[in-house]
């Protein structure tokens, strides 16, 4: 797994223009700067830019890119600041995360006994850390285990909410409860518990609304879009995603909402609007700080953009782009020993590849078709 931050803004621009890597390289060479400097841009150079191996191209290439796109290098996702920490390797393994969460749970109970009805700042910090660990465990921990842990935490917080709290503490606990309830809704849905999932989603929405937490409200809308996508209500996907974008602000929720909108539009078959939604998501993502824990369920990272794009282009029957994004998703999340740190993403990427290769009439299906 290379330790690079993918440049999704450049990739989104290329996708929206429907150019291959070779085609954009040729156009760069044909710009005034490309001709004057006799640039020899090729497909491999574009690949290195898009995967983040090169964060800041040499001056002639930056000038040629600006002439071609009409955008400054920064608007295309390039940066002079090198960021070397990994986007996709969590600091704790899921087992470590649950162990730490269990230790925090014991600490919390002790704090309750010592402080009686008063809640100290350390208690809220411990709770926030515990919620963070639960959200980071979502991709790899069994849903039943995560559901039970989350419900136990919620019961504990309900007991705190019944005690004496300052206004700030009450608001903070409501926000923590909102995130836990949103996580619980996702787990319920994974387990096929649709009614419980929708109840949890509505509760998270209401808590976010009460405390004025736009990102939490945005994620509640995103859950509605996700449910609709799974259930084949594609117009509802787009509607819910756009409603969430109106309140989510510049946040991971906003990126996720634009990508859900893109997936709904891809299912409808609206290629132009799907491309635009992918581009908007890339632009917001480019304004967010690099996440310290990208395995967190309510955090959107650059690798996830590529994963979502793979599915969008699979549904749009753009086999070249679908295969490109799916293969890069698998590569980014595969460790040297062959194991994966994002098994669900990798499994879905393999499904996308399977659809591409099995599509009737595709070049790939003809290549693997057995002779009669």
Protein backbone atom coordinates (compact mmCIF):
# COMPACT_ATOMS: atom_id res chain seq x y z
CA UNK A 1 0.00 0.00 0.00
CA UNK A 2 1.71 3.23 -1.09
CA UNK A 3 1.73 6.09 1.41
CA UNK A 4 0.25 8.69 -0.96
CA UNK A 5 -2.73 11.01 -0.85
CA UNK A 6 -4.69 10.59 -4.10
CA UNK A 7 -5.32 13.76 -6.07
CA UNK A 8 -9.05 13.37 -6.59
CA UNK A 9 -9.58 16.94 -7.84
CA UNK A 10 -7.38 16.40 -10.90
CA UNK A 11 -9.00 13.04 -11.50
CA UNK A 12 -12.48 14.52 -11.20
CA UNK A 13 -11.63 17.22 -13.77
CA UNK A 14 -10.33 14.57 -16.19
CA UNK A 15 -13.39 12.36 -15.65
CA UNK A 16 -15.77 15.25 -16.25
CA UNK A 17 -13.95 16.03 -19.50
CA UNK A 18 -14.11 12.30 -20.38
CA UNK A 19 -10.41 12.12 -21.14
CA UNK A 20 -8.12 9.16 -20.70
CA UNK A 21 -4.73 9.66 -19.10
CA UNK A 22 -3.10 9.42 -22.50
CA UNK A 23 -5.47 11.99 -23.98
CA UNK A 24 -4.85 14.55 -21.24
CA UNK A 25 -1.08 14.01 -21.60
CA UNK A 26 -1.31 14.72 -25.32
CA UNK A 27 -3.33 17.88 -24.68
CA UNK A 28 -0.75 19.10 -22.16
CA UNK A 29 2.00 18.61 -24.73
CA UNK A 30 -0.05 20.59 -27.27
CA UNK A 31 -0.49 23.68 -25.06
CA UNK A 32 1.64 26.77 -25.77
CA UNK A 33 3.80 25.92 -22.76
CA UNK A 34 4.01 22.30 -23.85
CA UNK A 35 5.19 23.26 -27.32
CA UNK A 36 7.60 25.96 -26.11
CA UNK A 37 9.15 23.68 -23.48
CA UNK A 38 8.94 20.55 -25.66
CA UNK A 39 7.17 18.70 -22.89
CA UNK A 40 6.96 14.94 -23.09
CA UNK A 41 4.03 14.29 -20.79
CA UNK A 42 2.77 10.71 -20.92
CA UNK A 43 0.21 8.42 -19.29
CA UNK A 44 2.61 7.42 -16.52
CA UNK A 45 3.17 11.04 -15.48
CA UNK A 46 -0.58 11.63 -15.24
CA UNK A 47 -0.91 8.47 -13.16
CA UNK A 48 1.75 9.71 -10.74
CA UNK A 49 -0.03 13.04 -10.39
CA UNK A 50 -3.40 11.43 -9.75
CA UNK A 51 -2.14 8.86 -7.24
CA UNK A 52 -0.32 11.56 -5.28
CA UNK A 53 3.18 10.29 -5.94
CA UNK A 54 3.94 13.76 -7.29
CA UNK A 55 2.28 16.51 -5.25
CA UNK A 56 3.75 19.52 -7.08
CA UNK A 57 4.72 19.16 -10.78
CA UNK A 58 7.61 21.10 -12.27
CA UNK A 59 6.92 24.68 -13.38
CA UNK A 60 6.47 23.99 -17.14
CA UNK A 61 3.90 21.29 -16.41
CA UNK A 62 2.03 23.50 -13.95
CA UNK A 63 1.86 26.24 -16.57
CA UNK A 64 0.68 23.80 -19.23
CA UNK A 65 -1.99 22.43 -16.90
CA UNK A 66 -3.26 25.94 -16.18
CA UNK A 67 -3.39 26.72 -19.90
CA UNK A 68 -5.30 23.51 -20.58
CA UNK A 69 -7.80 23.66 -17.70
CA UNK A 70 -8.05 27.37 -16.92
CA UNK A 71 -7.40 26.51 -13.27
CA UNK A 72 -4.52 27.17 -10.91
CA UNK A 73 -2.52 24.11 -9.71
CA UNK A 74 -4.04 24.35 -6.22
CA UNK A 75 -7.55 24.19 -7.69
CA UNK A 76 -6.49 20.96 -9.39
CA UNK A 77 -5.48 19.40 -6.09
CA UNK A 78 -1.72 20.06 -6.20
CA UNK A 79 0.14 21.28 -3.13
CA UNK A 80 3.69 22.25 -2.25
CA UNK A 81 3.20 20.91 1.26
CA UNK A 82 4.17 17.27 1.37
CA UNK A 83 1.99 15.17 3.65
CA UNK A 84 3.48 11.78 4.35
CA UNK A 85 1.20 10.10 6.85
CA UNK A 86 -1.01 7.33 5.54
CA UNK A 87 -4.65 7.93 4.76
CA UNK A 88 -5.79 4.36 5.06
CA UNK A 89 -3.77 2.64 7.77
CA UNK A 90 -5.51 3.03 11.15
CA UNK A 91 -3.43 3.77 14.23
CA UNK A 92 -5.18 0.98 16.12
CA UNK A 93 -6.33 -2.39 14.86
CA UNK A 94 -10.06 -3.10 15.36
CA UNK A 95 -9.20 -5.49 18.21
CA UNK A 96 -7.07 -2.81 19.87
CA UNK A 97 -9.85 -0.29 19.36
CA UNK A 98 -12.43 -2.46 21.09
CA UNK A 99 -10.02 -3.26 23.91
CA UNK A 100 -9.36 0.44 24.43
CA UNK A 101 -13.08 1.14 24.28
CA UNK A 102 -13.68 -1.49 26.94
CA UNK A 103 -10.99 0.06 29.16
CA UNK A 104 -12.59 3.48 28.76
CA UNK A 105 -15.94 1.96 29.68
CA UNK A 106 -14.51 0.75 32.99
CA UNK A 107 -12.96 4.17 33.61
CA UNK A 108 -16.29 5.82 32.93
CA UNK A 109 -18.15 3.69 35.45
CA UNK A 110 -15.54 4.45 38.10
CA UNK A 111 -15.85 8.18 37.32
CA UNK A 112 -19.60 7.98 37.82
CA UNK A 113 -19.19 6.35 41.22
CA UNK A 114 -16.65 8.95 42.35
CA UNK A 115 -18.45 12.02 41.05
CA UNK A 116 -22.03 11.04 41.89
CA UNK A 117 -24.41 13.30 39.95
CA UNK A 118 -21.74 15.76 38.72
CA UNK A 119 -20.03 15.08 35.40
CA UNK A 120 -16.38 16.09 35.12
CA UNK A 121 -14.64 17.17 31.93
CA UNK A 122 -12.61 13.97 31.99
CA UNK A 123 -15.80 11.96 31.77
CA UNK A 124 -16.92 13.75 28.61
CA UNK A 125 -13.47 13.41 27.06
CA UNK A 126 -13.48 9.68 27.80
CA UNK A 127 -16.93 9.36 26.25
CA UNK A 128 -15.92 11.25 23.12
CA UNK A 129 -12.87 9.00 22.73
CA UNK A 130 -15.00 5.89 23.23
CA UNK A 131 -17.46 7.04 20.55
CA UNK A 132 -14.56 7.75 18.21
CA UNK A 133 -13.24 4.20 18.69
CA UNK A 134 -16.67 2.69 18.05
CA UNK A 135 -17.04 4.66 14.82
CA UNK A 136 -13.57 3.57 13.71
CA UNK A 137 -14.44 -0.06 14.39
CA UNK A 138 -17.43 0.01 12.01
CA UNK A 139 -15.64 -1.17 8.83
CA UNK A 140 -14.25 -4.38 10.29
CA UNK A 141 -16.02 -5.35 13.53
CA UNK A 142 -19.08 -7.67 13.32
CA UNK A 143 -22.29 -5.67 13.25
CA UNK A 144 -23.86 -7.52 16.19
CA UNK A 145 -20.83 -6.81 18.39
CA UNK A 146 -20.84 -3.17 17.41
CA UNK A 147 -24.59 -2.88 17.97
CA UNK A 148 -24.31 -4.24 21.50
CA UNK A 149 -21.40 -1.97 22.37
CA UNK A 150 -23.19 1.08 21.00
CA UNK A 151 -26.42 0.33 22.82
CA UNK A 152 -24.51 -0.09 26.06
CA UNK A 153 -22.88 3.28 25.59
CA UNK A 154 -26.22 4.94 24.84
CA UNK A 155 -27.73 3.51 28.01
CA UNK A 156 -24.82 4.90 29.96
CA UNK A 157 -25.22 8.37 28.47
CA UNK A 158 -28.95 8.33 29.17
CA UNK A 159 -28.12 7.88 32.84
CA UNK A 160 -25.80 10.87 32.68
CA UNK A 161 -28.44 12.99 30.96
CA UNK A 162 -30.79 12.31 33.88
CA UNK A 163 -28.28 13.85 36.30
CA UNK A 164 -27.09 17.38 36.99
CA UNK A 165 -25.41 19.01 34.00
CA UNK A 166 -24.36 22.43 32.87
CA UNK A 167 -25.86 23.70 29.62
CA UNK A 168 -22.59 23.11 27.78
CA UNK A 169 -22.32 19.58 29.16
CA UNK A 170 -25.91 18.86 28.19
CA UNK A 171 -25.28 20.04 24.63
CA UNK A 172 -22.06 18.03 24.35
CA UNK A 173 -23.77 14.89 25.58
CA UNK A 174 -26.59 15.41 23.06
CA UNK A 175 -24.03 15.67 20.26
CA UNK A 176 -22.27 12.51 21.46
CA UNK A 177 -25.64 10.77 21.65
CA UNK A 178 -26.45 11.93 18.14
CA UNK A 179 -23.28 10.41 16.71
CA UNK A 180 -23.83 7.15 18.59
CA UNK A 181 -27.44 7.00 17.43
CA UNK A 182 -26.38 7.59 13.82
CA UNK A 183 -23.82 4.79 14.13
CA UNK A 184 -26.46 2.52 15.66
CA UNK A 185 -28.79 3.28 12.73
CA UNK A 186 -26.10 2.22 10.26
CA UNK A 187 -25.50 -1.03 12.16
CA UNK A 188 -29.23 -1.75 12.39
CA UNK A 189 -29.51 -1.32 8.62
CA UNK A 190 -26.57 -3.65 8.01
CA UNK A 191 -28.35 -6.26 10.12
CA UNK A 192 -31.57 -5.90 8.12
CA UNK A 193 -33.36 -4.15 10.98
CA UNK A 194 -34.96 -1.50 8.78
CA UNK A 195 -37.51 -0.08 11.23
CA UNK A 196 -34.93 0.30 14.00
CA UNK A 197 -32.50 1.88 11.54
CA UNK A 198 -35.01 4.52 10.44
CA UNK A 199 -35.95 5.28 14.05
CA UNK A 200 -32.29 5.80 14.93
CA UNK A 201 -31.78 7.98 11.87
CA UNK A 202 -34.69 10.23 12.76
CA UNK A 203 -33.47 10.49 16.34
CA UNK A 204 -29.98 11.51 15.20
CA UNK A 205 -31.54 14.09 12.88
CA UNK A 206 -33.64 15.55 15.70
CA UNK A 207 -30.69 15.76 18.08
CA UNK A 208 -28.58 17.48 15.46
CA UNK A 209 -31.41 19.90 14.74
CA UNK A 210 -31.94 20.73 18.43
CA UNK A 211 -28.30 21.60 19.05
CA UNK A 212 -27.72 23.25 15.66
CA UNK A 213 -25.15 20.70 14.52
CA UNK A 214 -25.25 20.91 10.72
CA UNK A 215 -22.84 18.05 10.05
CA UNK A 216 -24.82 15.63 12.22
CA UNK A 217 -28.04 16.65 10.46
CA UNK A 218 -26.23 16.18 7.15
CA UNK A 219 -25.26 12.63 8.06
CA UNK A 220 -28.87 11.88 8.99
CA UNK A 221 -29.87 12.96 5.48
CA UNK A 222 -27.01 10.87 4.07
CA UNK A 223 -28.38 7.81 5.84
CA UNK A 224 -31.75 8.44 4.19
CA UNK A 225 -29.99 8.64 0.82
CA UNK A 226 -28.12 5.40 1.54
CA UNK A 227 -31.31 3.56 2.56
CA UNK A 228 -33.03 4.76 -0.61
CA UNK A 229 -30.09 3.66 -2.76
CA UNK A 230 -30.14 0.13 -1.36
CA UNK A 231 -33.91 -0.04 -1.80
CA UNK A 232 -33.80 1.15 -5.43
CA UNK A 233 -35.48 4.53 -4.85
CA UNK A 234 -32.98 6.49 -6.91
CA UNK A 235 -34.91 9.76 -7.20
CA UNK A 236 -35.18 9.77 -3.40
CA UNK A 237 -31.41 9.29 -3.18
CA UNK A 238 -30.80 12.51 -5.09
CA UNK A 239 -33.45 14.42 -3.12
CA UNK A 240 -32.15 13.36 0.29
CA UNK A 241 -28.55 14.01 -0.70
CA UNK A 242 -29.32 17.53 -1.88
CA UNK A 243 -31.34 18.31 1.25
CA UNK A 244 -28.36 17.27 3.36
CA UNK A 245 -25.98 19.42 1.35
CA UNK A 246 -28.03 22.48 2.28
CA UNK A 247 -27.05 22.11 5.96
CA UNK A 248 -23.84 20.05 6.12
CA UNK A 249 -21.34 22.87 5.56
CA UNK A 250 -17.73 22.15 4.59
CA UNK A 251 -17.47 18.73 6.19
CA UNK A 252 -17.08 15.04 5.55
CA UNK A 253 -20.86 14.83 5.51
CA UNK A 254 -20.96 17.25 2.58
CA UNK A 255 -18.50 15.12 0.60
CA UNK A 256 -20.42 11.94 1.36
CA UNK A 257 -23.69 13.59 0.36
CA UNK A 258 -22.35 14.74 -3.01
CA UNK A 259 -21.02 11.26 -3.68
CA UNK A 260 -24.36 9.70 -2.75
CA UNK A 261 -25.99 12.17 -5.11
CA UNK A 262 -23.56 11.01 -7.81
CA UNK A 263 -24.47 7.39 -7.16
CA UNK A 264 -28.18 8.14 -7.38
CA UNK A 265 -27.65 10.05 -10.62
CA UNK A 266 -25.53 7.20 -11.99
CA UNK A 267 -28.35 4.76 -11.29
CA UNK A 268 -30.75 7.05 -13.13
CA UNK A 269 -28.28 7.25 -16.00
CA UNK A 270 -27.54 10.99 -15.82
CA UNK A 271 -23.83 10.95 -16.67
CA UNK A 272 -23.38 14.71 -16.89
CA UNK A 273 -24.85 15.48 -13.47
CA UNK A 274 -23.11 12.50 -11.88
CA UNK A 275 -19.76 13.82 -13.11
CA UNK A 276 -20.57 17.25 -11.71
CA UNK A 277 -21.48 15.79 -8.32
CA UNK A 278 -18.22 13.85 -8.23
CA UNK A 279 -16.33 17.02 -9.04
CA UNK A 280 -18.11 19.00 -6.30
CA UNK A 281 -17.27 16.29 -3.83
CA UNK A 282 -13.62 16.38 -4.83
CA UNK A 283 -13.54 20.17 -4.43
CA UNK A 284 -14.98 20.03 -0.88
CA UNK A 285 -12.66 17.17 0.02
CA UNK A 286 -9.72 19.27 -1.13
CA UNK A 287 -10.65 21.95 1.44
CA UNK A 288 -10.78 19.54 4.37
CA UNK A 289 -7.79 18.62 6.55
CA UNK A 290 -6.27 15.20 6.01
CA UNK A 291 -8.07 12.91 8.49
CA UNK A 292 -6.03 11.42 11.30
CA UNK A 293 -8.32 8.39 11.42
CA UNK A 294 -9.80 7.76 7.96
CA UNK A 295 -11.22 4.44 9.15
CA UNK A 296 -13.81 6.49 11.13
CA UNK A 297 -17.25 5.83 9.63
CA UNK A 298 -18.21 9.51 9.64
CA UNK A 299 -14.97 10.72 8.04
CA UNK A 300 -14.49 10.89 4.28
CA UNK A 301 -11.02 10.29 2.86
CA UNK A 302 -9.53 10.56 -0.62
CA UNK A 303 -9.35 6.80 -1.13
CA UNK A 304 -13.10 6.57 -0.53
CA UNK A 305 -13.73 9.05 -3.35
CA UNK A 306 -11.97 6.72 -5.78
CA UNK A 307 -14.00 3.77 -4.44
CA UNK A 308 -17.30 5.63 -4.95
CA UNK A 309 -16.25 6.78 -8.41
CA UNK A 310 -15.58 3.15 -9.39
CA UNK A 311 -19.17 2.21 -8.57
CA UNK A 312 -20.60 5.29 -10.32
CA UNK A 313 -18.77 4.53 -13.55
CA UNK A 314 -19.69 0.85 -13.32
CA UNK A 315 -23.37 1.81 -13.20
CA UNK A 316 -22.86 4.30 -16.02
CA UNK A 317 -21.27 1.52 -18.14
CA UNK A 318 -18.07 3.52 -18.53
CA UNK A 319 -15.96 0.37 -18.33
CA UNK A 320 -12.55 2.04 -18.75
CA UNK A 321 -13.03 4.45 -15.85
CA UNK A 322 -14.81 1.85 -13.73
CA UNK A 323 -11.93 -0.61 -14.06
CA UNK A 324 -9.30 2.08 -13.47
CA UNK A 325 -10.89 3.25 -10.21
CA UNK A 326 -11.75 -0.26 -8.99
CA UNK A 327 -8.22 -1.56 -9.49
CA UNK A 328 -6.74 1.44 -7.69
CA UNK A 329 -9.15 0.91 -4.80
CA UNK A 330 -7.94 -2.67 -4.44
CA UNK A 331 -4.31 -1.61 -4.66
CA UNK A 332 -4.63 1.16 -2.08
CA UNK A 333 -6.25 -1.09 0.49
CA UNK A 334 -4.11 -4.23 0.06
CA UNK A 335 -1.21 -4.79 2.43
CA UNK A 336 2.07 -6.39 1.31
CA UNK A 337 0.97 -9.74 2.82
CA UNK A 338 -2.20 -9.71 0.68
CA UNK A 339 -4.60 -8.85 3.51
CA UNK A 340 -6.84 -5.79 3.40
CA UNK A 341 -7.48 -2.95 5.84
CA UNK A 342 -10.80 -2.13 4.14
CA UNK A 343 -12.35 -5.50 3.23
CA UNK A 344 -15.80 -4.12 2.36
CA UNK A 345 -14.38 -1.58 -0.09
CA UNK A 346 -12.14 -4.18 -1.69
CA UNK A 347 -15.02 -6.66 -2.00
CA UNK A 348 -17.21 -4.04 -3.70
CA UNK A 349 -14.35 -3.09 -6.03
CA UNK A 350 -14.02 -6.74 -7.07
CA UNK A 351 -17.77 -6.79 -7.74
CA UNK A 352 -17.39 -3.71 -9.94
CA UNK A 353 -14.61 -5.45 -11.87
CA UNK A 354 -16.78 -8.52 -12.25
CA UNK A 355 -19.65 -6.46 -13.66
CA UNK A 356 -17.30 -4.74 -16.09
CA UNK A 357 -15.86 -8.01 -17.35
CA UNK A 358 -19.24 -9.74 -17.54
CA UNK A 359 -21.08 -6.95 -19.32
CA UNK A 360 -22.50 -8.27 -22.61
CA UNK A 361 -20.68 -6.95 -25.62
CA UNK A 362 -17.81 -5.42 -23.66
CA UNK A 363 -14.28 -5.85 -24.94
CA UNK A 364 -13.30 -7.46 -21.65
CA UNK A 365 -16.02 -10.10 -21.79
CA UNK A 366 -14.96 -10.99 -25.32
CA UNK A 367 -11.35 -11.33 -24.16
CA UNK A 368 -12.21 -13.92 -21.52
CA UNK A 369 -14.99 -15.73 -23.39
CA UNK A 370 -14.07 -19.44 -23.80
CA UNK A 371 -13.78 -20.74 -27.35
CA UNK A 372 -16.52 -23.02 -28.62
